[in-house]
Each structure stands twice: as structure tokens, then as C-alpha cells.
Amino acid sequence: MDAHIIADAEEHGNERAAIYHFEGLIPYQEAEKRGLLESEQHRISCQIRFACALSKADRDSYWQLVERRDGKAYMEKLRELALIHWNEKRGKSKTDQA
């Protein structure tokens, strides 16, 4: 994974943790867990939106990149989530897949 992507995800998680801690009056360790979880969810949703915006050929190349970088299981999970997102955008259910 690119260093700037990791840094952005860490920064986002730290920001969320600080907000939770400051506004929620919860212990920092709990706020940090929530911030990191949100950051990971944010990263996944960004990857899904990015993949859905690509052409079919570019998307296939992207899945290969994700598999090399993050492993086959992660790529398959992300691809399944992207398909669900794509079908929801188009008004189809998961069973309507082509």
C-alpha cells in the first residue's frame, strides 16, 4: 500500500479519535479504537467508489493490484462489496447480477 494512503488513514483515525475523546468524554483508548474502525470503513468505501467509477478493463487491473497488495481474500471481499454497491446504484438486487 502506498505510504501516503497509510498516512492519510492513520491521520484520519487519529482525528476521529481526538474528536470522540474531546466531545464524547470517553477514554482515549476507546476513542482510538472507534477512530481506527471508522478510518478503515472510510478507506473501504473510498476503494469501492473508486473501483465502481473505473471502466471494466481498468477495474480488472485494479482488482489485480488490490490482490497483489492486500491479498486475495481482501480483494474478493472488496469486489463483492463493490458489486453490491454497483447494483444498488443501478437499482438491482444482489440476485440480479449478470
PDB file of N, CA and C in Angstrom:
ATOM      1  N   MET A   1       0.840  -1.175   0.000  1.00  0.00           N
ATOM      2  CA  MET A   1       0.000   0.000   0.000  1.00  0.00           C
ATOM      3  C   MET A   1       0.882   1.234   0.000  1.00  0.00           C
ATOM      4  N   ASP A   2       0.463   2.264  -0.721  1.00  0.00           N
ATOM      5  CA  ASP A   2       1.233   3.494  -0.801  1.00  0.00           C
ATOM      6  C   ASP A   2       1.369   4.134   0.573  1.00  0.00           C
ATOM      7  N   ALA A   3       2.541   4.708   0.830  1.00  0.00           N
ATOM      8  CA  ALA A   3       2.812   5.328   2.130  1.00  0.00           C
ATOM      9  C   ALA A   3       1.861   6.478   2.415  1.00  0.00           C
ATOM     10  N   HIS A   4       1.527   7.274   1.396  1.00  0.00           N
ATOM     11  CA  HIS A   4       0.627   8.406   1.648  1.00  0.00           C
ATOM     12  C   HIS A   4      -0.783   7.941   1.987  1.00  0.00           C
ATOM     13  N   ILE A   5      -1.222   6.821   1.445  1.00  0.00           N
ATOM     14  CA  ILE A   5      -2.549   6.285   1.776  1.00  0.00           C
ATOM     15  C   ILE A   5      -2.564   5.833   3.226  1.00  0.00           C
ATOM     16  N   ILE A   6      -1.506   5.145   3.651  1.00  0.00           N
ATOM     17  CA  ILE A   6      -1.417   4.699   5.045  1.00  0.00           C
ATOM     18  C   ILE A   6      -1.390   5.904   5.972  1.00  0.00           C
ATOM     19  N   ALA A   7      -0.591   6.911   5.635  1.00  0.00           N
ATOM     20  CA  ALA A   7      -0.501   8.108   6.468  1.00  0.00           C
ATOM     21  C   ALA A   7      -1.848   8.806   6.552  1.00  0.00           C
ATOM     22  N   ASP A   8      -2.558   8.901   5.430  1.00  0.00           N
ATOM     23  CA  ASP A   8      -3.879   9.532   5.430  1.00  0.00           C
ATOM     24  C   ASP A   8      -4.858   8.763   6.301  1.00  0.00           C
ATOM     25  N   ALA A   9      -4.832   7.444   6.224  1.00  0.00           N
ATOM     26  CA  ALA A   9      -5.734   6.630   7.035  1.00  0.00           C
ATOM     27  C   ALA A   9      -5.410   6.783   8.520  1.00  0.00           C
ATOM     28  N   GLU A  10      -4.125   6.798   8.859  1.00  0.00           N
ATOM     29  CA  GLU A  10      -3.735   6.985  10.257  1.00  0.00           C
ATOM     30  C   GLU A  10      -4.149   8.358  10.740  1.00  0.00           C
ATOM     31  N   GLU A  11      -3.922   9.369   9.924  1.00  0.00           N
ATOM     32  CA  GLU A  11      -4.281  10.728  10.310  1.00  0.00           C
ATOM     33  C   GLU A  11      -5.792  10.844  10.506  1.00  0.00           C
ATOM     34  N   HIS A  12      -6.545  10.254   9.601  1.00  0.00           N
ATOM     35  CA  HIS A  12      -7.998  10.280   9.711  1.00  0.00           C
ATOM     36  C   HIS A  12      -8.435   9.583  11.003  1.00  0.00           C
ATOM     37  N   GLY A  13      -7.858   8.436  11.284  1.00  0.00           N
ATOM     38  CA  GLY A  13      -8.196   7.711  12.518  1.00  0.00           C
ATOM     39  C   GLY A  13      -7.852   8.511  13.757  1.00  0.00           C
ATOM     40  N   ASN A  14      -6.689   9.147  13.753  1.00  0.00           N
ATOM     41  CA  ASN A  14      -6.281   9.959  14.905  1.00  0.00           C
ATOM     42  C   ASN A  14      -7.193  11.161  15.090  1.00  0.00           C
ATOM     43  N   GLU A  15      -7.597  11.788  14.003  1.00  0.00           N
ATOM     44  CA  GLU A  15      -8.522  12.915  14.087  1.00  0.00           C
ATOM     45  C   GLU A  15      -9.852  12.480  14.690  1.00  0.00           C
ATOM     46  N   ARG A  16     -10.380  11.369  14.184  1.00  0.00           N
ATOM     47  CA  ARG A  16     -11.656  10.861  14.708  1.00  0.00           C
ATOM     48  C   ARG A  16     -11.524  10.515  16.177  1.00  0.00           C
ATOM     49  N   ALA A  17     -10.408   9.915  16.571  1.00  0.00           N
ATOM     50  CA  ALA A  17     -10.198   9.554  17.979  1.00  0.00           C
ATOM     51  C   ALA A  17     -10.183  10.800  18.860  1.00  0.00           C
ATOM     52  N   ALA A  18      -9.504  11.831  18.403  1.00  0.00           N
ATOM     53  CA  ALA A  18      -9.429  13.072  19.178  1.00  0.00           C
ATOM     54  C   ALA A  18     -10.812  13.699  19.328  1.00  0.00           C
ATOM     55  N   ILE A  19     -11.591  13.679  18.274  1.00  0.00           N
ATOM     56  CA  ILE A  19     -12.949  14.233  18.343  1.00  0.00           C
ATOM     57  C   ILE A  19     -13.800  13.430  19.312  1.00  0.00           C
ATOM     58  N   TYR A  20     -13.757  12.103  19.188  1.00  0.00           N
ATOM     59  CA  TYR A  20     -14.527  11.267  20.120  1.00  0.00           C
ATOM     60  C   TYR A  20     -14.110  11.531  21.564  1.00  0.00           C
ATOM     61  N   HIS A  21     -12.834  11.618  21.780  1.00  0.00           N
ATOM     62  CA  HIS A  21     -12.326  11.820  23.141  1.00  0.00           C
ATOM     63  C   HIS A  21     -12.746  13.192  23.665  1.00  0.00           C
ATOM     64  N   PHE A  22     -12.606  14.210  22.861  1.00  0.00           N
ATOM     65  CA  PHE A  22     -12.906  15.570  23.295  1.00  0.00           C
ATOM     66  C   PHE A  22     -14.408  15.777  23.493  1.00  0.00           C
ATOM     67  N   GLU A  23     -15.212  15.389  22.500  1.00  0.00           N
ATOM     68  CA  GLU A  23     -16.645  15.649  22.557  1.00  0.00           C
ATOM     69  C   GLU A  23     -17.425  14.595  23.328  1.00  0.00           C
ATOM     70  N   GLY A  24     -16.947  13.372  23.271  1.00  0.00           N
ATOM     71  CA  GLY A  24     -17.705  12.293  23.885  1.00  0.00           C
ATOM     72  C   GLY A  24     -17.335  11.993  25.317  1.00  0.00           C
ATOM     73  N   LEU A  25     -16.252  12.602  25.799  1.00  0.00           N
ATOM     74  CA  LEU A  25     -15.784  12.349  27.158  1.00  0.00           C
ATOM     75  C   LEU A  25     -15.631  10.860  27.439  1.00  0.00           C
ATOM     76  N   ILE A  26     -15.075  10.160  26.454  1.00  0.00           N
ATOM     77  CA  ILE A  26     -14.795   8.741  26.634  1.00  0.00           C
ATOM     78  C   ILE A  26     -13.282   8.571  26.717  1.00  0.00           C
ATOM     79  N   PRO A  27     -12.830   7.490  27.326  1.00  0.00           N
ATOM     80  CA  PRO A  27     -11.388   7.272  27.435  1.00  0.00           C
ATOM     81  C   PRO A  27     -10.724   7.264  26.055  1.00  0.00           C
ATOM     82  N   TYR A  28      -9.512   7.767  25.982  1.00  0.00           N
ATOM     83  CA  TYR A  28      -8.824   7.884  24.698  1.00  0.00           C
ATOM     84  C   TYR A  28      -8.639   6.527  24.019  1.00  0.00           C
ATOM     85  N   GLN A  29      -8.372   5.471  24.795  1.00  0.00           N
ATOM     86  CA  GLN A  29      -8.176   4.148  24.185  1.00  0.00           C
ATOM     87  C   GLN A  29      -9.434   3.706  23.432  1.00  0.00           C
ATOM     88  N   GLU A  30     -10.593   3.953  24.023  1.00  0.00           N
ATOM     89  CA  GLU A  30     -11.848   3.598  23.340  1.00  0.00           C
ATOM     90  C   GLU A  30     -12.050   4.494  22.127  1.00  0.00           C
ATOM     91  N   ALA A  31     -11.751   5.780  22.279  1.00  0.00           N
ATOM     92  CA  ALA A  31     -11.884   6.717  21.163  1.00  0.00           C
ATOM     93  C   ALA A  31     -10.953   6.326  20.021  1.00  0.00           C
ATOM     94  N   GLU A  32      -9.746   5.878  20.364  1.00  0.00           N
ATOM     95  CA  GLU A  32      -8.786   5.458  19.348  1.00  0.00           C
ATOM     96  C   GLU A  32      -9.299   4.248  18.577  1.00  0.00           C
ATOM     97  N   LYS A  33      -9.898   3.282  19.269  1.00  0.00           N
ATOM     98  CA  LYS A  33     -10.459   2.107  18.588  1.00  0.00           C
ATOM     99  C   LYS A  33     -11.558   2.531  17.617  1.00  0.00           C
ATOM    100  N   ARG A  34     -12.442   3.409  18.059  1.00  0.00           N
ATOM    101  CA  ARG A  34     -13.525   3.872  17.195  1.00  0.00           C
ATOM    102  C   ARG A  34     -12.969   4.646  15.998  1.00  0.00           C
ATOM    103  N   GLY A  35     -11.978   5.484  16.250  1.00  0.00           N
ATOM    104  CA  GLY A  35     -11.389   6.269  15.168  1.00  0.00           C
ATOM    105  C   GLY A  35     -10.739   5.393  14.114  1.00  0.00           C
ATOM    106  N   LEU A  36     -10.012   4.357  14.547  1.00  0.00           N
ATOM    107  CA  LEU A  36      -9.367   3.453  13.592  1.00  0.00           C
ATOM    108  C   LEU A  36     -10.386   2.646  12.816  1.00  0.00           C
ATOM    109  N   LEU A  37     -11.458   2.218  13.490  1.00  0.00           N
ATOM    110  CA  LEU A  37     -12.506   1.465  12.809  1.00  0.00           C
ATOM    111  C   LEU A  37     -13.159   2.331  11.744  1.00  0.00           C
ATOM    112  N   GLU A  38     -13.480   3.569  12.103  1.00  0.00           N
ATOM    113  CA  GLU A  38     -14.066   4.484  11.132  1.00  0.00           C
ATOM    114  C   GLU A  38     -13.122   4.722   9.962  1.00  0.00           C
ATOM    115  N   SER A  39     -11.850   4.841  10.258  1.00  0.00           N
ATOM    116  CA  SER A  39     -10.869   5.090   9.223  1.00  0.00           C
ATOM    117  C   SER A  39     -10.822   3.920   8.239  1.00  0.00           C
ATOM    118  N   GLU A  40     -10.853   2.698   8.738  1.00  0.00           N
ATOM    119  CA  GLU A  40     -10.834   1.515   7.870  1.00  0.00           C
ATOM    120  C   GLU A  40     -12.110   1.459   7.035  1.00  0.00           C
ATOM    121  N   GLN A  41     -13.252   1.742   7.650  1.00  0.00           N
ATOM    122  CA  GLN A  41     -14.509   1.751   6.901  1.00  0.00           C
ATOM    123  C   GLN A  41     -14.483   2.819   5.819  1.00  0.00           C
ATOM    124  N   HIS A  42     -13.901   3.957   6.136  1.00  0.00           N
ATOM    125  CA  HIS A  42     -13.787   5.048   5.168  1.00  0.00           C
ATOM    126  C   HIS A  42     -12.895   4.620   4.000  1.00  0.00           C
ATOM    127  N   ARG A  43     -11.787   3.975   4.287  1.00  0.00           N
ATOM    128  CA  ARG A  43     -10.870   3.511   3.244  1.00  0.00           C
ATOM    129  C   ARG A  43     -11.574   2.523   2.315  1.00  0.00           C
ATOM    130  N   ILE A  44     -12.315   1.587   2.895  1.00  0.00           N
ATOM    131  CA  ILE A  44     -13.023   0.593   2.090  1.00  0.00           C
ATOM    132  C   ILE A  44     -14.072   1.255   1.216  1.00  0.00           C
ATOM    133  N   SER A  45     -14.840   2.182   1.783  1.00  0.00           N
ATOM    134  CA  SER A  45     -15.874   2.839   0.980  1.00  0.00           C
ATOM    135  C   SER A  45     -15.249   3.663  -0.151  1.00  0.00           C
ATOM    136  N   CYS A  46     -14.103   4.281   0.102  1.00  0.00           N
ATOM    137  CA  CYS A  46     -13.403   5.018  -0.957  1.00  0.00           C
ATOM    138  C   CYS A  46     -12.931   4.073  -2.058  1.00  0.00           C
ATOM    139  N   GLN A  47     -12.391   2.925  -1.674  1.00  0.00           N
ATOM    140  CA  GLN A  47     -11.929   1.953  -2.670  1.00  0.00           C
ATOM    141  C   GLN A  47     -13.095   1.448  -3.508  1.00  0.00           C
ATOM    142  N   ILE A  48     -14.235   1.230  -2.883  1.00  0.00           N
ATOM    143  CA  ILE A  48     -15.415   0.740  -3.610  1.00  0.00           C
ATOM    144  C   ILE A  48     -15.889   1.788  -4.613  1.00  0.00           C
ATOM    145  N   ARG A  49     -16.015   3.026  -4.173  1.00  0.00           N
ATOM    146  CA  ARG A  49     -16.454   4.087  -5.082  1.00  0.00           C
ATOM    147  C   ARG A  49     -15.458   4.261  -6.232  1.00  0.00           C
ATOM    148  N   PHE A  50     -14.174   4.195  -5.922  1.00  0.00           N
ATOM    149  CA  PHE A  50     -13.141   4.323  -6.946  1.00  0.00           C
ATOM    150  C   PHE A  50     -13.280   3.206  -7.973  1.00  0.00           C
ATOM    151  N   ALA A  51     -13.403   1.967  -7.505  1.00  0.00           N
ATOM    152  CA  ALA A  51     -13.495   0.824  -8.415  1.00  0.00           C
ATOM    153  C   ALA A  51     -14.736   0.918  -9.299  1.00  0.00           C
ATOM    154  N   CYS A  52     -15.845   1.359  -8.725  1.00  0.00           N
ATOM    155  CA  CYS A  52     -17.087   1.447  -9.500  1.00  0.00           C
ATOM    156  C   CYS A  52     -17.032   2.541 -10.561  1.00  0.00           C
ATOM    157  N   ALA A  53     -16.166   3.504 -10.393  1.00  0.00           N
ATOM    158  CA  ALA A  53     -16.046   4.595 -11.364  1.00  0.00           C
ATOM    159  C   ALA A  53     -15.131   4.229 -12.536  1.00  0.00           C
ATOM    160  N   LEU A  54     -14.419   3.121 -12.434  1.00  0.00           N
ATOM    161  CA  LEU A  54     -13.473   2.708 -13.475  1.00  0.00           C
ATOM    162  C   LEU A  54     -14.173   1.983 -14.616  1.00  0.00           C
ATOM    163  N   SER A  55     -13.534   1.973 -15.769  1.00  0.00           N
ATOM    164  CA  SER A  55     -14.012   1.141 -16.875  1.00  0.00           C
ATOM    165  C   SER A  55     -13.776  -0.325 -16.503  1.00  0.00           C
ATOM    166  N   LYS A  56     -14.397  -1.223 -17.223  1.00  0.00           N
ATOM    167  CA  LYS A  56     -14.251  -2.656 -16.930  1.00  0.00           C
ATOM    168  C   LYS A  56     -12.783  -3.086 -16.986  1.00  0.00           C
ATOM    169  N   ALA A  57     -12.061  -2.663 -18.012  1.00  0.00           N
ATOM    170  CA  ALA A  57     -10.647  -3.045 -18.152  1.00  0.00           C
ATOM    171  C   ALA A  57      -9.811  -2.470 -17.005  1.00  0.00           C
ATOM    172  N   ASP A  58     -10.046  -1.208 -16.690  1.00  0.00           N
ATOM    173  CA  ASP A  58      -9.298  -0.592 -15.590  1.00  0.00           C
ATOM    174  C   ASP A  58      -9.657  -1.217 -14.251  1.00  0.00           C
ATOM    175  N   ARG A  59     -10.921  -1.582 -14.095  1.00  0.00           N
ATOM    176  CA  ARG A  59     -11.359  -2.227 -12.849  1.00  0.00           C
ATOM    177  C   ARG A  59     -10.688  -3.585 -12.680  1.00  0.00           C
ATOM    178  N   ASP A  60     -10.579  -4.343 -13.767  1.00  0.00           N
ATOM    179  CA  ASP A  60      -9.889  -5.638 -13.703  1.00  0.00           C
ATOM    180  C   ASP A  60      -8.436  -5.456 -13.277  1.00  0.00           C
ATOM    181  N   SER A  61      -7.784  -4.448 -13.823  1.00  0.00           N
ATOM    182  CA  SER A  61      -6.400  -4.153 -13.433  1.00  0.00           C
ATOM    183  C   SER A  61      -6.328  -3.734 -11.964  1.00  0.00           C
ATOM    184  N   TYR A  62      -7.320  -2.964 -11.526  1.00  0.00           N
ATOM    185  CA  TYR A  62      -7.362  -2.517 -10.129  1.00  0.00           C
ATOM    186  C   TYR A  62      -7.497  -3.711  -9.188  1.00  0.00           C
ATOM    187  N   TRP A  63      -8.371  -4.671  -9.531  1.00  0.00           N
ATOM    188  CA  TRP A  63      -8.525  -5.858  -8.667  1.00  0.00           C
ATOM    189  C   TRP A  63      -7.216  -6.640  -8.583  1.00  0.00           C
ATOM    190  N   GLN A  64      -6.474  -6.718  -9.672  1.00  0.00           N
ATOM    191  CA  GLN A  64      -5.174  -7.387  -9.638  1.00  0.00           C
ATOM    192  C   GLN A  64      -4.210  -6.663  -8.709  1.00  0.00           C
ATOM    193  N   LEU A  65      -4.220  -5.347  -8.780  1.00  0.00           N
ATOM    194  CA  LEU A  65      -3.371  -4.555  -7.893  1.00  0.00           C
ATOM    195  C   LEU A  65      -3.748  -4.769  -6.430  1.00  0.00           C
ATOM    196  N   VAL A  66      -5.035  -4.741  -6.135  1.00  0.00           N
ATOM    197  CA  VAL A  66      -5.503  -4.946  -4.753  1.00  0.00           C
ATOM    198  C   VAL A  66      -5.105  -6.337  -4.273  1.00  0.00           C
ATOM    199  N   GLU A  67      -5.245  -7.338  -5.138  1.00  0.00           N
ATOM    200  CA  GLU A  67      -4.873  -8.707  -4.752  1.00  0.00           C
ATOM    201  C   GLU A  67      -3.385  -8.804  -4.434  1.00  0.00           C
ATOM    202  N   ARG A  68      -2.534  -8.211  -5.265  1.00  0.00           N
ATOM    203  CA  ARG A  68      -1.085  -8.238  -5.004  1.00  0.00           C
ATOM    204  C   ARG A  68      -0.745  -7.498  -3.707  1.00  0.00           C
ATOM    205  N   ARG A  69      -1.407  -6.385  -3.484  1.00  0.00           N
ATOM    206  CA  ARG A  69      -1.081  -5.528  -2.356  1.00  0.00           C
ATOM    207  C   ARG A  69      -1.680  -6.031  -1.045  1.00  0.00           C
ATOM    208  N   ASP A  70      -2.953  -6.471  -1.083  1.00  0.00           N
ATOM    209  CA  ASP A  70      -3.678  -6.778   0.161  1.00  0.00           C
ATOM    210  C   ASP A  70      -4.094  -8.230   0.306  1.00  0.00           C
ATOM    211  N   GLY A  71      -3.866  -9.043  -0.719  1.00  0.00           N
ATOM    212  CA  GLY A  71      -4.209 -10.458  -0.640  1.00  0.00           C
ATOM    213  C   GLY A  71      -5.525 -10.783  -1.335  1.00  0.00           C
ATOM    214  N   LYS A  72      -5.646 -12.044  -1.706  1.00  0.00           N
ATOM    215  CA  LYS A  72      -6.810 -12.500  -2.471  1.00  0.00           C
ATOM    216  C   LYS A  72      -8.106 -12.387  -1.681  1.00  0.00           C
ATOM    217  N   ALA A  73      -8.092 -12.745  -0.401  1.00  0.00           N
ATOM    218  CA  ALA A  73      -9.314 -12.708   0.406  1.00  0.00           C
ATOM    219  C   ALA A  73      -9.853 -11.282   0.511  1.00  0.00           C
ATOM    220  N   TYR A  74      -8.955 -10.322   0.746  1.00  0.00           N
ATOM    221  CA  TYR A  74      -9.382  -8.928   0.856  1.00  0.00           C
ATOM    222  C   TYR A  74      -9.940  -8.440  -0.481  1.00  0.00           C
ATOM    223  N   MET A  75      -9.254  -8.776  -1.578  1.00  0.00           N
ATOM    224  CA  MET A  75      -9.710  -8.364  -2.901  1.00  0.00           C
ATOM    225  C   MET A  75     -11.092  -8.927  -3.189  1.00  0.00           C
ATOM    226  N   GLU A  76     -11.317 -10.188  -2.879  1.00  0.00           N
ATOM    227  CA  GLU A  76     -12.620 -10.805  -3.139  1.00  0.00           C
ATOM    228  C   GLU A  76     -13.715 -10.145  -2.310  1.00  0.00           C
ATOM    229  N   LYS A  77     -13.407  -9.842  -1.056  1.00  0.00           N
ATOM    230  CA  LYS A  77     -14.376  -9.155  -0.195  1.00  0.00           C
ATOM    231  C   LYS A  77     -14.695  -7.781  -0.770  1.00  0.00           C
ATOM    232  N   LEU A  78     -13.674  -7.041  -1.158  1.00  0.00           N
ATOM    233  CA  LEU A  78     -13.857  -5.702  -1.703  1.00  0.00           C
ATOM    234  C   LEU A  78     -14.634  -5.762  -3.019  1.00  0.00           C
ATOM    235  N   ARG A  79     -14.317  -6.727  -3.855  1.00  0.00           N
ATOM    236  CA  ARG A  79     -15.014  -6.864  -5.136  1.00  0.00           C
ATOM    237  C   ARG A  79     -16.493  -7.190  -4.921  1.00  0.00           C
ATOM    238  N   GLU A  80     -16.778  -8.039  -3.945  1.00  0.00           N
ATOM    239  CA  GLU A  80     -18.179  -8.361  -3.635  1.00  0.00           C
ATOM    240  C   GLU A  80     -18.926  -7.121  -3.134  1.00  0.00           C
ATOM    241  N   LEU A  81     -18.284  -6.350  -2.266  1.00  0.00           N
ATOM    242  CA  LEU A  81     -18.907  -5.124  -1.763  1.00  0.00           C
ATOM    243  C   LEU A  81     -19.113  -4.109  -2.889  1.00  0.00           C
ATOM    244  N   ALA A  82     -18.160  -4.052  -3.815  1.00  0.00           N
ATOM    245  CA  ALA A  82     -18.283  -3.140  -4.955  1.00  0.00           C
ATOM    246  C   ALA A  82     -19.450  -3.560  -5.850  1.00  0.00           C
ATOM    247  N   LEU A  83     -19.636  -4.849  -6.027  1.00  0.00           N
ATOM    248  CA  LEU A  83     -20.742  -5.341  -6.847  1.00  0.00           C
ATOM    249  C   LEU A  83     -22.084  -4.995  -6.196  1.00  0.00           C
ATOM    250  N   ILE A  84     -22.159  -5.141  -4.892  1.00  0.00           N
ATOM    251  CA  ILE A  84     -23.381  -4.766  -4.172  1.00  0.00           C
ATOM    252  C   ILE A  84     -23.652  -3.273  -4.357  1.00  0.00           C
ATOM    253  N   HIS A  85     -22.604  -2.468  -4.180  1.00  0.00           N
ATOM    254  CA  HIS A  85     -22.732  -1.015  -4.358  1.00  0.00           C
ATOM    255  C   HIS A  85     -23.181  -0.689  -5.781  1.00  0.00           C
ATOM    256  N   TRP A  86     -22.564  -1.311  -6.760  1.00  0.00           N
ATOM    257  CA  TRP A  86     -22.888  -1.081  -8.166  1.00  0.00           C
ATOM    258  C   TRP A  86     -24.353  -1.413  -8.444  1.00  0.00           C
ATOM    259  N   ASN A  87     -24.803  -2.558  -7.936  1.00  0.00           N
ATOM    260  CA  ASN A  87     -26.188  -2.977  -8.154  1.00  0.00           C
ATOM    261  C   ASN A  87     -27.167  -2.049  -7.445  1.00  0.00           C
ATOM    262  N   GLU A  88     -26.808  -1.578  -6.265  1.00  0.00           N
ATOM    263  CA  GLU A  88     -27.678  -0.630  -5.558  1.00  0.00           C
ATOM    264  C   GLU A  88     -27.788   0.677  -6.337  1.00  0.00           C
ATOM    265  N   LYS A  89     -26.672   1.130  -6.900  1.00  0.00           N
ATOM    266  CA  LYS A  89     -26.693   2.351  -7.704  1.00  0.00           C
ATOM    267  C   LYS A  89     -27.596   2.198  -8.925  1.00  0.00           C
ATOM    268  N   ARG A  90     -27.606   1.019  -9.468  1.00  0.00           N
ATOM    269  CA  ARG A  90     -28.379   0.765 -10.679  1.00  0.00           C
ATOM    270  C   ARG A  90     -29.787   0.276 -10.372  1.00  0.00           C
ATOM    271  N   GLY A  91     -30.129   0.148  -9.079  1.00  0.00           N
ATOM    272  CA  GLY A  91     -31.469  -0.266  -8.692  1.00  0.00           C
ATOM    273  C   GLY A  91     -31.734  -1.752  -8.808  1.00  0.00           C
ATOM    274  N   LYS A  92     -30.670  -2.555  -8.742  1.00  0.00           N
ATOM    275  CA  LYS A  92     -30.808  -4.007  -8.825  1.00  0.00           C
ATOM    276  C   LYS A  92     -30.517  -4.618  -7.469  1.00  0.00           C
ATOM    277  N   SER A  93     -31.072  -5.786  -7.241  1.00  0.00           N
ATOM    278  CA  SER A  93     -30.727  -6.527  -6.027  1.00  0.00           C
ATOM    279  C   SER A  93     -29.528  -7.402  -6.309  1.00  0.00           C
ATOM    280  N   LYS A  94     -28.948  -7.980  -5.264  1.00  0.00           N
ATOM    281  CA  LYS A  94     -27.754  -8.815  -5.431  1.00  0.00           C
ATOM    282  C   LYS A  94     -28.058 -10.028  -6.317  1.00  0.00           C
ATOM    283  N   THR A  95     -29.304 -10.506  -6.302  1.00  0.00           N
ATOM    284  CA  THR A  95     -29.663 -11.679  -7.097  1.00  0.00           C
ATOM    285  C   THR A  95     -29.813 -11.357  -8.575  1.00  0.00           C
ATOM    286  N   ASP A  96     -29.844 -10.067  -8.945  1.00  0.00           N
ATOM    287  CA  ASP A  96     -29.991  -9.665 -10.337  1.00  0.00           C
ATOM    288  C   ASP A  96     -28.668  -9.577 -11.075  1.00  0.00           C
ATOM    289  N   GLN A  97     -27.589 -10.067 -10.472  1.00  0.00           N
ATOM    290  CA  GLN A  97     -26.268  -9.925 -11.068  1.00  0.00           C
ATOM    291  C   GLN A  97     -26.216 -10.578 -12.439  1.00  0.00           C
ATOM    292  N   ALA A  98     -25.461  -9.950 -13.331  1.00  0.00           N
ATOM    293  CA  ALA A  98     -25.314 -10.513 -14.681  1.00  0.00           C
ATOM    294  C   ALA A  98     -24.085 -11.370 -14.746  1.00  0.00           C
TER     295      ALA A  98
END
